[in-house]
Each structure stands twice: as C-alpha cells, then as structure tokens.
Amino acid sequence: MSEELVVLRGGSRDGESTRVQQGVRRLLAASQAPGLLEVYEANAETEDLAGNTQAALVFVHAGQEPIGDTAPEMLHSPPSSDQRS
C-alpha cells in the first residue's frame, strides 16, 4: 500500500509532517497533556512543504480524546527527523 505525505495543523503538533498509509483520514497522536490524545482529521486541502516534491495533505486538529483503552500501537508519533522546520 502506498503512503501519503501529511502536515498537521493546530494542536500540540502544529506544523509537523509525516507519512501515513493511503486512505487514512483520521490520525491519533500522543498529546503533551497527560491522559489525552490529539485527534487530527483530513480536510481535503493540500499544502506545499519545503524540500518535498509532493504536496502534503492537510490534517486539522479536531480536538482531544481521553486515551482510555487505546492500544499504544494505534498512536502515531511522527519521527523527529520528519518534522517541518
């Protein structure tokens, strides 16, 4: 399965970019707030990112959710080397 470049807008991960499997439209990321997850959702917009030939899909901050029973492998934490400067 192919991957898509995405950039996160809003929340504690604003400006970070990463790659997700094609078709992903909702992303859960670890939050700076204890016990919460950052929720990002695709909004059908794209944005050019420096150093990339491919336009990134924009995922906007949709709020936070309690971590609850979410398995750790379901969280997405973009690697620090893939962040936008």
C-alpha atoms as a PDB file:
ATOM      1  CA  MET A   1       0.000   0.000   0.000  1.00  0.00           C
ATOM      2  CA  SER A   2       1.343   3.445  -0.856  1.00  0.00           C
ATOM      3  CA  GLU A   3       1.891   6.301   1.544  1.00  0.00           C
ATOM      4  CA  GLU A   4       0.820   9.952   1.567  1.00  0.00           C
ATOM      5  CA  LEU A   5       2.676  12.925   2.996  1.00  0.00           C
ATOM      6  CA  VAL A   6       0.607  14.851   5.564  1.00  0.00           C
ATOM      7  CA  VAL A   7       1.099  18.023   7.581  1.00  0.00           C
ATOM      8  CA  LEU A   8      -0.643  18.601  10.917  1.00  0.00           C
ATOM      9  CA  ARG A   9      -2.326  21.956  11.604  1.00  0.00           C
ATOM     10  CA  GLY A  10      -3.318  23.089  15.097  1.00  0.00           C
ATOM     11  CA  GLY A  11      -2.936  21.363  18.449  1.00  0.00           C
ATOM     12  CA  SER A  12       0.370  20.493  20.079  1.00  0.00           C
ATOM     13  CA  ARG A  13       1.797  19.015  16.842  1.00  0.00           C
ATOM     14  CA  ASP A  14       1.129  22.029  14.603  1.00  0.00           C
ATOM     15  CA  GLY A  15       3.486  22.096  11.627  1.00  0.00           C
ATOM     16  CA  GLU A  16       4.764  18.531  11.983  1.00  0.00           C
ATOM     17  CA  SER A  17       4.740  16.358   8.883  1.00  0.00           C
ATOM     18  CA  THR A  18       4.782  12.609   8.447  1.00  0.00           C
ATOM     19  CA  ARG A  19       3.693   9.840   6.112  1.00  0.00           C
ATOM     20  CA  VAL A  20       0.574   7.706   6.530  1.00  0.00           C
ATOM     21  CA  GLN A  21      -0.877   4.818   4.575  1.00  0.00           C
ATOM     22  CA  GLN A  22      -3.002   5.988   1.650  1.00  0.00           C
ATOM     23  CA  GLY A  23      -6.639   6.316   2.661  1.00  0.00           C
ATOM     24  CA  VAL A  24      -6.019   7.324   6.300  1.00  0.00           C
ATOM     25  CA  ARG A  25      -8.310  10.248   7.124  1.00  0.00           C
ATOM     26  CA  ARG A  26      -8.093  10.340  10.949  1.00  0.00           C
ATOM     27  CA  LEU A  27      -4.898  10.346  12.963  1.00  0.00           C
ATOM     28  CA  LEU A  28      -4.431   9.905  16.723  1.00  0.00           C
ATOM     29  CA  ALA A  29      -1.209  11.311  18.155  1.00  0.00           C
ATOM     30  CA  ALA A  30       0.277  11.425  21.618  1.00  0.00           C
ATOM     31  CA  SER A  31      -0.549  14.711  23.343  1.00  0.00           C
ATOM     32  CA  GLN A  32       1.532  16.862  25.659  1.00  0.00           C
ATOM     33  CA  ALA A  33      -1.464  16.736  28.018  1.00  0.00           C
ATOM     34  CA  PRO A  34      -1.321  13.654  30.263  1.00  0.00           C
ATOM     35  CA  GLY A  35      -4.001  11.053  29.504  1.00  0.00           C
ATOM     36  CA  LEU A  36      -5.162  12.691  26.267  1.00  0.00           C
ATOM     37  CA  LEU A  37      -4.736  12.079  22.554  1.00  0.00           C
ATOM     38  CA  GLU A  38      -4.576  14.723  19.843  1.00  0.00           C
ATOM     39  CA  VAL A  39      -7.085  13.994  17.064  1.00  0.00           C
ATOM     40  CA  TYR A  40      -6.385  15.188  13.506  1.00  0.00           C
ATOM     41  CA  GLU A  41      -8.679  14.769  10.513  1.00  0.00           C
ATOM     42  CA  ALA A  42      -8.038  15.255   6.793  1.00  0.00           C
ATOM     43  CA  ASN A  43      -9.770  18.298   5.315  1.00  0.00           C
ATOM     44  CA  ALA A  44      -9.191  17.655   1.566  1.00  0.00           C
ATOM     45  CA  GLU A  45      -6.707  20.551   1.284  1.00  0.00           C
ATOM     46  CA  THR A  46      -3.069  20.240   0.271  1.00  0.00           C
ATOM     47  CA  GLU A  47      -0.040  22.343   1.095  1.00  0.00           C
ATOM     48  CA  ASP A  48       3.446  22.561  -0.392  1.00  0.00           C
ATOM     49  CA  LEU A  49       6.219  21.725   2.096  1.00  0.00           C
ATOM     50  CA  ALA A  50       9.789  22.870   1.627  1.00  0.00           C
ATOM     51  CA  GLY A  51      12.079  20.067   0.496  1.00  0.00           C
ATOM     52  CA  ASN A  52       9.252  17.872  -0.853  1.00  0.00           C
ATOM     53  CA  THR A  53       8.166  17.483  -4.453  1.00  0.00           C
ATOM     54  CA  GLN A  54       4.815  16.024  -3.376  1.00  0.00           C
ATOM     55  CA  ALA A  55       2.106  18.287  -1.908  1.00  0.00           C
ATOM     56  CA  ALA A  56       1.118  17.294   1.629  1.00  0.00           C
ATOM     57  CA  LEU A  57      -2.444  16.555   2.670  1.00  0.00           C
ATOM     58  CA  VAL A  58      -3.554  18.849   5.489  1.00  0.00           C
ATOM     59  CA  PHE A  59      -4.869  17.236   8.679  1.00  0.00           C
ATOM     60  CA  VAL A  60      -6.523  19.735  11.034  1.00  0.00           C
ATOM     61  CA  HIS A  61      -6.783  19.471  14.787  1.00  0.00           C
ATOM     62  CA  ALA A  62     -10.245  18.179  15.656  1.00  0.00           C
ATOM     63  CA  GLY A  63      -9.775  18.141  19.424  1.00  0.00           C
ATOM     64  CA  GLN A  64      -8.559  15.816  22.144  1.00  0.00           C
ATOM     65  CA  GLU A  65      -9.855  12.491  23.417  1.00  0.00           C
ATOM     66  CA  PRO A  66      -9.063  10.571  26.588  1.00  0.00           C
ATOM     67  CA  ILE A  67      -6.525   7.832  25.961  1.00  0.00           C
ATOM     68  CA  GLY A  68      -8.915   5.282  27.520  1.00  0.00           C
ATOM     69  CA  ASP A  69      -8.323   1.791  26.173  1.00  0.00           C
ATOM     70  CA  THR A  70      -6.448   2.903  23.058  1.00  0.00           C
ATOM     71  CA  ALA A  71      -3.623   0.460  22.379  1.00  0.00           C
ATOM     72  CA  PRO A  72      -0.169   2.109  22.147  1.00  0.00           C
ATOM     73  CA  GLU A  73       0.367   0.697  18.650  1.00  0.00           C
ATOM     74  CA  MET A  74      -2.679   2.676  17.467  1.00  0.00           C
ATOM     75  CA  LEU A  75      -0.970   6.004  18.285  1.00  0.00           C
ATOM     76  CA  HIS A  76       1.006   7.919  15.719  1.00  0.00           C
ATOM     77  CA  SER A  77       4.102   9.769  16.800  1.00  0.00           C
ATOM     78  CA  PRO A  78       5.906  11.371  13.851  1.00  0.00           C
ATOM     79  CA  PRO A  79       9.670  10.775  13.978  1.00  0.00           C
ATOM     80  CA  SER A  80      11.623  13.886  14.876  1.00  0.00           C
ATOM     81  CA  SER A  81      13.623  13.662  11.615  1.00  0.00           C
ATOM     82  CA  ASP A  82      10.381  14.053   9.618  1.00  0.00           C
ATOM     83  CA  GLN A  83       9.320  17.359  11.186  1.00  0.00           C
ATOM     84  CA  ARG A  84       8.979  20.559   9.261  1.00  0.00           C
ATOM     85  CA  SER A  85      11.284  23.361  10.378  1.00  0.00           C
END
